[in-house]
C-alpha cells in the first residue's frame, strides 16, 4: 500500500523521526527548508515567487524557536521597563545588605576609627590653645612684636668680653598688675647671671640685699645712699612708676659692684616661684648644712635633712627665704645661705621646666605659662626669644657655676662682711665702704679667664 505523504503547497514535510538528531539535524532540516526546490512541472503546483513568503515566514519562526531554547538566562532579551526596575532594585538591595553585613562584622573597627578622629581633633585644639596662650604670655614678658618670636632669631647683646650679663631681681607680695604694701617693691633677691652664647656656660653671682650702696632716693628716703634692696624702689618712685627706668638704675648699681656691663634684666614676683615649681611637679635640690640635723627655719617652719630632697612649691619658696631666724638651726650664714638656696632652686627649676616630661605634659605647660605670664617681666626682645630657648636647652646644671662672695670654693677671703652704720646693720665690701675692687677682680678672674689660668 502506497503511503500518503503530507505536503504543504507543494513542499513535502519530513517526519520528525526521519530527521537527524542534534544540531546537525537542525541544520539539515533548515537547509532543506531554505533550499530552492525545482519546479514540479510547468502548470502543476506553485511557482517559486508564489512559495517564498510562506517559506520565509515558516523558516524564521522555526529558527527563532530553536535559538530561544539554547539561550542562557542572562542573555534573555529585556522584558520591559518594569523588569529593568525590578532588577535594579534587587542589585541595590544586595549592595545594602553587603554593607550592613560588613558593619555588623566590624563594629570595633568603626569605634576605633571615630575614637582616633576624636583624639586627633582634641590634640589639635589643645596645641592651638597652648600656642595661643604662649603668644599672649610672650607678649606680657618680652618687648616687641609677638610675630618676631617665630620669624626672627637675633643674637643677644654682649659686653667687650663676649658675654651676655643679665640682672635677675625679685620682689614679693604683689602681682605685676597691681600695687600692694610699700615693702613689696624692695628687691630682697638680687643676682647676676653671665652667659657665653658660644661656650654655653653660665656664672651666677648673688648680691647681698643689705649691701650699702650709693643711689638716688629723693622721694622715698631723701638720701643719696642706702641698702641695695632699696635702689629699685627709689628709682621707681622718682620716675613716676616707670619700671624700665627703675630696673635700669638697679642694673647700673649692680654693674658698678661687679665691674660688668649688664645688658638685660628679669623682674620676678618671687611669690610666683611656688606656682612655677608646682607646675613642673616639684624640684630636687641638695641640702648642705654644717649642722648634722640639716636646716630648720623658725619663721617659715621649714625643716629639711641634709642630702637630696624633693620640694613642692611652698617648700621651695620657704627654702629660698630661710635665713636662720632665732630658734632655728643649720643656717649660720643668714642671707648668704638664702642666696645659695635661691641659686639652687632656680637651676633646678630651669632643668625641670625644660625636661621632656614637663614639655610633653599640657597641664604642666599651661600652669607654667600662667605662673610666668602673670609674674615675670624682662627687657628681652621678642626677636631674641629663640636664642634664649637655645641657651636654656644647651646650658646644663653642671655648666652653671656659682661665684659666692663669702665661703668661696677657692678658699679665698670673704669679699664682703657685715657691720654697723650708725644704728643700721649693713653689708659692705671687706676693703671698705663703696670699695668694690676685690669683688671686680674676683669676677674677672673667673668669668673672663681661660680654664688654664683659673
Protein backbone atom coordinates (compact mmCIF):
# COMPACT_ATOMS: atom_id res chain seq x y z
CA UNK A 1 0.00 0.00 0.00
CA UNK A 2 1.34 3.30 -1.02
CA UNK A 3 1.82 5.67 1.97
CA UNK A 4 0.26 9.04 1.63
CA UNK A 5 2.75 11.86 2.03
CA UNK A 6 1.65 15.12 3.59
CA UNK A 7 2.52 18.21 1.67
CA UNK A 8 2.07 21.93 2.10
CA UNK A 9 1.76 23.95 -1.01
CA UNK A 10 3.96 21.62 -3.00
CA UNK A 11 6.52 21.02 -0.18
CA UNK A 12 6.98 17.63 1.29
CA UNK A 13 7.40 17.73 5.10
CA UNK A 14 9.72 15.20 6.62
CA UNK A 15 8.59 13.33 9.64
CA UNK A 16 10.37 14.06 12.94
CA UNK A 17 11.66 10.55 13.26
CA UNK A 18 13.24 10.90 9.82
CA UNK A 19 15.38 13.88 10.93
CA UNK A 20 18.94 13.52 12.10
CA UNK A 21 19.40 14.34 15.79
CA UNK A 22 21.06 17.34 17.44
CA UNK A 23 22.47 20.44 15.80
CA UNK A 24 23.24 18.51 12.70
CA UNK A 25 19.63 17.54 12.33
CA UNK A 26 18.52 21.10 12.88
CA UNK A 27 20.80 22.47 10.23
CA UNK A 28 19.86 19.72 7.76
CA UNK A 29 16.21 20.46 8.39
CA UNK A 30 16.71 24.18 7.94
CA UNK A 31 18.77 23.62 4.82
CA UNK A 32 16.00 21.56 3.40
CA UNK A 33 13.55 24.33 4.08
CA UNK A 34 15.81 27.02 2.71
CA UNK A 35 16.85 25.10 -0.41
CA UNK A 36 15.03 26.13 -3.56
CA UNK A 37 13.00 23.22 -4.94
CA UNK A 38 12.87 22.52 -8.59
CA UNK A 39 9.55 23.41 -10.21
CA UNK A 40 7.33 20.35 -10.28
CA UNK A 41 6.15 20.76 -13.75
CA UNK A 42 5.02 23.66 -15.67
CA UNK A 43 1.45 24.26 -14.95
CA UNK A 44 1.46 22.00 -11.92
CA UNK A 45 1.98 23.33 -8.34
CA UNK A 46 3.09 26.84 -7.36
CA UNK A 47 5.73 28.96 -8.98
CA UNK A 48 8.86 29.99 -6.92
CA UNK A 49 7.69 33.55 -6.43
CA UNK A 50 4.39 32.31 -5.02
CA UNK A 51 6.04 29.95 -2.48
CA UNK A 52 8.66 32.32 -0.97
CA UNK A 53 6.52 34.35 1.50
CA UNK A 54 5.18 31.30 3.30
CA UNK A 55 8.56 29.57 3.18
CA UNK A 56 10.40 32.54 4.66
CA UNK A 57 7.90 33.02 7.47
CA UNK A 58 7.98 29.39 8.46
CA UNK A 59 11.77 29.28 8.35
CA UNK A 60 12.14 32.38 10.57
CA UNK A 61 9.70 31.09 13.15
CA UNK A 62 11.40 27.74 13.45
CA UNK A 63 14.89 29.37 13.62
CA UNK A 64 13.81 31.74 16.41
CA UNK A 65 12.20 28.92 18.38
CA UNK A 66 15.29 26.76 18.19
CA UNK A 67 17.59 29.64 19.17
CA UNK A 68 15.38 30.53 22.15
CA UNK A 69 15.75 27.03 23.52
CA UNK A 70 19.58 27.40 23.63
CA UNK A 71 19.80 30.99 25.04
CA UNK A 72 21.29 31.40 28.62
CA UNK A 73 19.06 33.10 31.23
CA UNK A 74 21.26 36.16 31.49
CA UNK A 75 21.17 36.58 27.72
CA UNK A 76 17.40 36.75 27.56
CA UNK A 77 16.09 39.91 25.98
CA UNK A 78 14.82 42.71 28.17
CA UNK A 79 11.28 42.16 29.27
CA UNK A 80 10.33 45.84 29.57
CA UNK A 81 10.71 48.85 31.89
CA UNK A 82 9.24 47.12 34.94
CA UNK A 83 11.68 44.21 34.65
CA UNK A 84 14.64 46.60 34.43
CA UNK A 85 13.43 48.49 37.52
CA UNK A 86 12.95 45.27 39.49
CA UNK A 87 16.43 44.09 38.58
CA UNK A 88 17.99 47.45 39.58
CA UNK A 89 16.19 47.43 42.95
CA UNK A 90 17.38 43.90 43.56
CA UNK A 91 21.01 44.91 42.92
CA UNK A 92 20.72 47.94 45.25
CA UNK A 93 19.20 45.77 47.95
CA UNK A 94 22.01 43.25 47.63
CA UNK A 95 24.62 46.06 47.90
CA UNK A 96 22.95 47.49 51.03
CA UNK A 97 22.79 44.06 52.57
CA UNK A 98 26.51 43.56 51.96
CA UNK A 99 27.34 46.91 53.59
CA UNK A 100 25.14 46.12 56.57
CA UNK A 101 26.83 42.77 56.96
CA UNK A 102 30.28 44.42 56.83
CA UNK A 103 29.26 46.87 59.58
CA UNK A 104 27.94 44.03 61.69
CA UNK A 105 31.16 42.09 61.22
CA UNK A 106 33.48 45.06 62.07
CA UNK A 107 31.89 47.23 64.84
CA UNK A 108 35.26 47.55 66.66
CA UNK A 109 36.90 48.97 63.56
CA UNK A 110 34.30 51.74 63.36
CA UNK A 111 34.69 52.56 67.05
CA UNK A 112 38.49 52.74 66.76
CA UNK A 113 38.19 54.99 63.71
CA UNK A 114 35.97 57.54 65.45
CA UNK A 115 37.99 57.44 68.67
CA UNK A 116 41.12 58.15 66.64
CA UNK A 117 39.46 61.06 64.81
CA UNK A 118 38.21 62.49 68.13
CA UNK A 119 41.65 62.25 69.74
CA UNK A 120 43.36 63.93 66.80
CA UNK A 121 40.81 66.75 66.93
CA UNK A 122 41.30 67.24 70.68
CA UNK A 123 45.10 67.25 70.30
CA UNK A 124 44.95 69.88 67.55
CA UNK A 125 42.62 72.05 69.66
CA UNK A 126 44.93 71.69 72.68
CA UNK A 127 48.03 72.56 70.65
CA UNK A 128 46.25 75.59 69.23
CA UNK A 129 45.18 76.73 72.69
CA UNK A 130 48.69 76.35 74.17
CA UNK A 131 50.20 78.14 71.17
CA UNK A 132 47.73 80.99 71.58
CA UNK A 133 48.43 81.15 75.31
CA UNK A 134 52.18 81.12 74.70
CA UNK A 135 51.78 84.07 72.34
CA UNK A 136 49.76 86.00 74.93
CA UNK A 137 52.29 85.16 77.64
CA UNK A 138 55.18 86.15 75.40
CA UNK A 139 53.50 89.49 74.77
CA UNK A 140 53.49 90.16 78.52
CA UNK A 141 57.05 89.01 79.24
CA UNK A 142 59.01 90.25 76.22
CA UNK A 143 59.24 93.52 74.34
CA UNK A 144 58.43 93.95 70.64
CA UNK A 145 56.12 92.40 68.09
CA UNK A 146 54.94 88.96 69.08
CA UNK A 147 55.41 87.75 65.48
CA UNK A 148 59.18 88.23 65.85
CA UNK A 149 59.23 85.20 68.16
CA UNK A 150 58.53 83.00 65.13
CA UNK A 151 60.21 84.96 62.34
CA UNK A 152 63.48 86.19 63.90
CA UNK A 153 66.41 84.77 65.81
CA UNK A 154 68.65 87.59 66.99
CA UNK A 155 71.88 87.10 68.90
CA UNK A 156 71.87 88.55 72.41
CA UNK A 157 73.81 91.72 73.17
CA UNK A 158 77.31 91.15 74.57
CA UNK A 159 79.95 93.07 76.52
CA UNK A 160 83.51 93.64 75.30
CA UNK A 161 84.48 90.16 76.54
CA UNK A 162 81.77 88.44 74.50
CA UNK A 163 79.48 87.71 77.45
CA UNK A 164 75.80 88.45 78.00
CA UNK A 165 75.02 89.66 81.52
CA UNK A 166 71.53 89.51 82.98
CA UNK A 167 70.27 91.05 86.21
CA UNK A 168 67.61 88.93 87.93
CA UNK A 169 65.78 90.51 90.83
CA UNK A 170 62.73 89.52 92.78
CA UNK A 171 60.11 91.43 94.70
CA UNK A 172 57.36 89.90 96.81
CA UNK A 173 53.82 90.43 97.96
CA UNK A 174 52.24 91.92 94.82
CA UNK A 175 51.26 90.94 91.30
CA UNK A 176 52.61 92.64 88.21
CA UNK A 177 49.21 94.18 87.58
CA UNK A 178 48.60 95.96 90.88
CA UNK A 179 50.42 97.62 93.76
CA UNK A 180 50.45 96.40 97.36
CA UNK A 181 52.19 97.32 100.57
CA UNK A 182 55.28 99.53 100.32
CA UNK A 183 57.78 96.82 101.23
CA UNK A 184 56.60 94.73 98.30
CA UNK A 185 58.83 96.75 95.95
CA UNK A 186 62.04 96.06 97.91
CA UNK A 187 64.28 93.70 95.95
CA UNK A 188 65.12 91.07 98.53
CA UNK A 189 66.67 88.78 95.91
CA UNK A 190 69.32 90.10 93.52
CA UNK A 191 71.68 88.11 91.31
CA UNK A 192 73.57 88.48 88.04
CA UNK A 193 73.93 85.66 85.50
CA UNK A 194 76.75 85.91 82.96
CA UNK A 195 76.34 83.71 79.86
CA UNK A 196 78.60 82.81 76.96
CA UNK A 197 76.37 82.13 73.92
CA UNK A 198 79.01 80.06 72.16
CA UNK A 199 80.56 78.07 75.02
CA UNK A 200 77.19 77.60 76.75
CA UNK A 201 78.45 78.29 80.24
CA UNK A 202 76.87 80.46 82.92
CA UNK A 203 78.09 82.09 86.13
CA UNK A 204 75.74 83.14 88.92
CA UNK A 205 76.65 85.85 91.42
CA UNK A 206 74.26 86.79 94.23
CA UNK A 207 74.45 90.28 95.70
CA UNK A 208 73.55 90.84 99.38
CA UNK A 209 70.34 92.82 99.71
CA UNK A 210 71.81 94.75 102.67
CA UNK A 211 74.95 95.82 100.76
CA UNK A 212 75.28 99.56 101.36
CA UNK A 213 75.48 101.43 98.04
CA UNK A 214 75.14 104.87 96.54
CA UNK A 215 71.82 105.59 94.85
CA UNK A 216 69.38 108.43 94.34
CA UNK A 217 66.36 108.20 96.61
CA UNK A 218 64.74 111.64 96.73
CA UNK A 219 61.09 110.73 97.30
CA UNK A 220 61.43 107.62 99.48
CA UNK A 221 64.22 108.41 101.90
CA UNK A 222 65.63 111.76 100.82
CA UNK A 223 69.13 110.27 100.83
CA UNK A 224 71.91 109.56 98.31
CA UNK A 225 72.84 106.14 99.71
CA UNK A 226 71.19 103.15 101.30
CA UNK A 227 70.77 99.39 101.08
CA UNK A 228 70.88 97.75 97.67
CA UNK A 229 67.34 96.39 98.03
CA UNK A 230 66.03 99.99 98.10
CA UNK A 231 67.57 101.02 94.78
CA UNK A 232 64.80 99.75 92.53
CA UNK A 233 62.03 101.16 94.74
CA UNK A 234 63.67 104.57 94.99
CA UNK A 235 64.08 104.83 91.22
CA UNK A 236 60.51 103.59 90.69
CA UNK A 237 59.10 106.42 92.80
CA UNK A 238 61.45 109.05 91.40
CA UNK A 239 60.43 108.09 87.81
CA UNK A 240 56.65 108.05 88.36
CA UNK A 241 56.40 104.26 88.42
CA UNK A 242 58.39 103.64 85.22
CA UNK A 243 59.63 100.06 85.67
CA UNK A 244 62.22 100.18 82.89
CA UNK A 245 63.92 103.23 84.38
CA UNK A 246 63.81 101.68 87.85
CA UNK A 247 65.34 98.44 86.53
CA UNK A 248 67.99 100.45 84.65
CA UNK A 249 69.02 102.12 87.92
CA UNK A 250 69.44 98.75 89.66
CA UNK A 251 71.33 97.39 86.62
CA UNK A 252 73.79 100.30 86.77
CA UNK A 253 74.41 99.81 90.51
CA UNK A 254 74.90 96.04 90.22
CA UNK A 255 77.24 96.57 87.25
CA UNK A 256 79.34 99.01 89.28
CA UNK A 257 79.72 96.46 92.10
CA UNK A 258 80.76 93.59 89.81
CA UNK A 259 82.59 95.51 87.10
CA UNK A 260 80.20 94.19 84.44
CA UNK A 261 78.21 95.76 81.63
CA UNK A 262 74.73 94.36 82.30
CA UNK A 263 72.56 94.35 79.18
CA UNK A 264 69.29 92.80 80.36
CA UNK A 265 67.04 92.42 83.37
CA UNK A 266 64.45 89.91 84.55
CA UNK A 267 61.99 91.06 87.22
CA UNK A 268 60.17 88.24 89.00
CA UNK A 269 57.50 88.22 91.64
CA UNK A 270 59.09 85.66 93.94
CA UNK A 271 55.78 84.57 95.43
CA UNK A 272 55.09 83.08 91.98
CA UNK A 273 58.05 80.76 92.48
CA UNK A 274 55.71 78.40 94.33
CA UNK A 275 53.35 78.34 91.33
CA UNK A 276 56.14 77.59 88.85
CA UNK A 277 57.62 74.81 91.00
CA UNK A 278 54.20 73.19 91.47
CA UNK A 279 53.53 73.50 87.72
CA UNK A 280 56.54 71.29 86.91
CA UNK A 281 55.78 68.79 89.67
CA UNK A 282 58.36 70.00 92.20
CA UNK A 283 62.15 70.31 92.09
CA UNK A 284 65.08 68.34 93.53
CA UNK A 285 67.88 70.08 95.44
CA UNK A 286 70.65 69.06 97.82
CA UNK A 287 70.65 70.47 101.35
CA UNK A 288 74.23 71.08 102.52
CA UNK A 289 74.26 72.36 106.09
CA UNK A 290 77.13 72.40 108.58
CA UNK A 291 74.62 71.14 111.14
CA UNK A 292 74.19 67.34 111.09
CA UNK A 293 70.44 67.78 111.64
CA UNK A 294 70.05 69.70 108.39
CA UNK A 295 68.18 73.03 108.48
CA UNK A 296 65.24 74.44 110.38
CA UNK A 297 63.90 77.97 109.87
CA UNK A 298 61.68 79.24 112.66
CA UNK A 299 59.94 81.90 110.55
CA UNK A 300 58.92 79.66 107.64
CA UNK A 301 58.73 76.44 109.71
CA UNK A 302 60.81 74.71 107.04
CA UNK A 303 62.68 71.64 108.32
CA UNK A 304 64.83 69.58 105.95
CA UNK A 305 67.56 66.93 106.42
CA UNK A 306 70.94 67.10 104.73
CA UNK A 307 71.19 65.45 101.33
CA UNK A 308 68.86 65.23 98.29
CA UNK A 309 65.30 66.43 98.89
CA UNK A 310 62.23 66.95 96.73
CA UNK A 311 60.48 70.30 97.25
CA UNK A 312 56.96 71.34 96.32
CA UNK A 313 56.15 74.98 95.58
CA UNK A 314 55.56 76.08 99.16
CA UNK A 315 58.71 74.33 100.41
CA UNK A 316 60.82 75.78 97.59
CA UNK A 317 59.66 79.30 98.41
CA UNK A 318 60.42 78.77 102.10
CA UNK A 319 63.85 77.32 101.19
CA UNK A 320 64.73 80.48 99.23
CA UNK A 321 63.57 82.73 102.08
CA UNK A 322 65.05 80.89 105.07
CA UNK A 323 67.89 82.88 106.68
CA UNK A 324 68.49 81.47 110.13
CA UNK A 325 65.98 83.29 112.29
CA UNK A 326 66.19 82.84 116.06
CA UNK A 327 65.05 79.43 117.21
CA UNK A 328 66.26 77.64 114.07
CA UNK A 329 69.45 75.82 113.13
CA UNK A 330 71.66 74.96 110.16
CA UNK A 331 71.65 78.46 108.60
CA UNK A 332 74.59 80.28 110.19
CA UNK A 333 75.19 82.45 107.12
CA UNK A 334 71.79 84.18 107.29
CA UNK A 335 71.17 85.98 104.00
CA UNK A 336 74.22 84.34 102.45
CA UNK A 337 72.59 80.92 102.94
CA UNK A 338 69.46 82.28 101.37
CA UNK A 339 71.34 83.43 98.27
CA UNK A 340 72.86 79.97 97.80
CA UNK A 341 69.43 78.35 98.15
CA UNK A 342 67.92 80.73 95.62
CA UNK A 343 70.53 79.73 93.04
CA UNK A 344 69.89 76.04 93.69
CA UNK A 345 66.14 76.35 93.26
CA UNK A 346 66.41 78.45 90.07
CA UNK A 347 68.87 75.99 88.50
CA UNK A 348 66.64 73.04 89.42
CA UNK A 349 63.54 74.82 88.09
CA UNK A 350 65.25 75.63 84.79
CA UNK A 351 66.25 71.99 84.26
CA UNK A 352 62.85 70.61 85.26
CA UNK A 353 60.87 73.09 83.13
CA UNK A 354 62.83 72.09 80.01
CA UNK A 355 62.71 68.35 80.65
CA UNK A 356 60.87 66.13 78.18
CA UNK A 357 58.36 65.05 80.81
CA UNK A 358 57.29 68.63 81.51
CA UNK A 359 57.13 69.79 77.88
CA UNK A 360 55.04 66.74 76.97
CA UNK A 361 52.53 67.49 79.72
CA UNK A 362 49.98 70.08 78.51
CA UNK A 363 48.67 70.68 82.05
CA UNK A 364 52.18 71.47 83.29
CA UNK A 365 52.90 73.75 80.31
CA UNK A 366 49.61 75.59 80.81
CA UNK A 367 50.27 76.12 84.54
CA UNK A 368 53.84 77.23 83.87
CA UNK A 369 52.66 79.77 81.29
CA UNK A 370 50.18 81.14 83.84
CA UNK A 371 52.88 81.47 86.50
CA UNK A 372 55.35 83.19 84.17
CA UNK A 373 52.89 85.42 82.33
CA UNK A 374 51.43 86.92 85.49
CA UNK A 375 54.67 87.29 87.42
CA UNK A 376 57.60 87.94 85.08
CA UNK A 377 58.80 90.99 83.15
CA UNK A 378 62.01 91.31 81.12
CA UNK A 379 63.88 93.65 78.81
CA UNK A 380 64.49 90.87 76.26
CA UNK A 381 63.08 91.49 72.79
CA UNK A 382 60.73 89.03 71.11
CA UNK A 383 63.30 88.60 68.31
CA UNK A 384 65.74 87.20 70.92
CA UNK A 385 63.40 84.55 72.32
CA UNK A 386 64.62 81.74 70.04
CA UNK A 387 68.20 82.42 71.12
CA UNK A 388 67.12 82.32 74.77
CA UNK A 389 65.39 78.98 74.23
CA UNK A 390 68.54 77.52 72.65
CA UNK A 391 70.64 78.74 75.59
CA UNK A 392 68.20 77.31 78.12
CA UNK A 393 68.32 73.93 76.39
CA UNK A 394 72.10 73.83 75.98
CA UNK A 395 73.20 75.08 79.39
CA UNK A 396 73.07 72.14 81.79
CA UNK A 397 73.16 72.27 85.57
CA UNK A 398 76.85 71.35 85.69
CA UNK A 399 77.57 74.26 83.31
CA UNK A 400 76.15 76.75 85.84
CA UNK A 401 78.87 77.89 88.24
CA UNK A 402 78.18 79.82 91.41
CA UNK A 403 80.58 82.59 92.47
CA UNK A 404 79.82 83.30 96.14
CA UNK A 405 81.23 86.42 97.77
CA UNK A 406 81.67 84.56 101.09
CA UNK A 407 82.68 80.97 101.82
CA UNK A 408 84.37 80.73 98.46
CA UNK A 409 85.20 77.35 96.99
CA UNK A 410 88.74 78.53 96.19
CA UNK A 411 89.25 79.19 99.93
CA UNK A 412 89.88 82.84 99.22
CA UNK A 413 88.97 85.54 101.69
CA UNK A 414 85.42 86.76 102.10
CA UNK A 415 84.81 89.73 99.84
CA UNK A 416 82.02 91.27 101.94
CA UNK A 417 81.32 91.50 105.64
CA UNK A 418 78.63 92.72 107.99
CA UNK A 419 78.90 95.88 110.04
CA UNK A 420 77.02 98.79 111.56
CA UNK A 421 76.48 102.20 110.05
CA UNK A 422 75.08 104.26 112.84
CA UNK A 423 72.27 102.13 114.16
CA UNK A 424 71.74 100.29 110.86
CA UNK A 425 73.07 96.78 110.24
CA UNK A 426 74.62 96.65 106.77
CA UNK A 427 76.81 94.56 104.48
CA UNK A 428 79.86 96.23 102.95
CA UNK A 429 82.98 95.24 100.98
CA UNK A 430 85.82 93.85 103.11
CA UNK A 431 88.07 96.53 101.62
CA UNK A 432 85.81 99.28 102.84
CA UNK A 433 82.56 101.09 102.12
CA UNK A 434 81.95 101.51 98.35
CA UNK A 435 85.29 99.83 97.54
CA UNK A 436 84.46 97.02 95.11
CA UNK A 437 87.92 96.40 93.65
CA UNK A 438 88.41 92.93 95.17
CA UNK A 439 84.95 91.85 94.05
CA UNK A 440 85.63 93.04 90.48
CA UNK A 441 88.99 91.22 90.35
CA UNK A 442 87.37 88.01 91.62
CA UNK A 443 84.66 88.16 88.97
CA UNK A 444 87.09 88.91 86.13
CA UNK A 445 89.46 86.11 87.15
CA UNK A 446 86.66 83.57 86.91
CA UNK A 447 84.38 84.79 84.14
CA UNK A 448 86.89 86.10 81.63
CA UNK A 449 89.95 83.95 82.29
CA UNK A 450 90.56 80.77 80.30
CA UNK A 451 90.36 77.42 82.14
CA UNK A 452 94.14 77.04 82.44
CA UNK A 453 94.50 80.47 84.06
CA UNK A 454 91.74 79.67 86.52
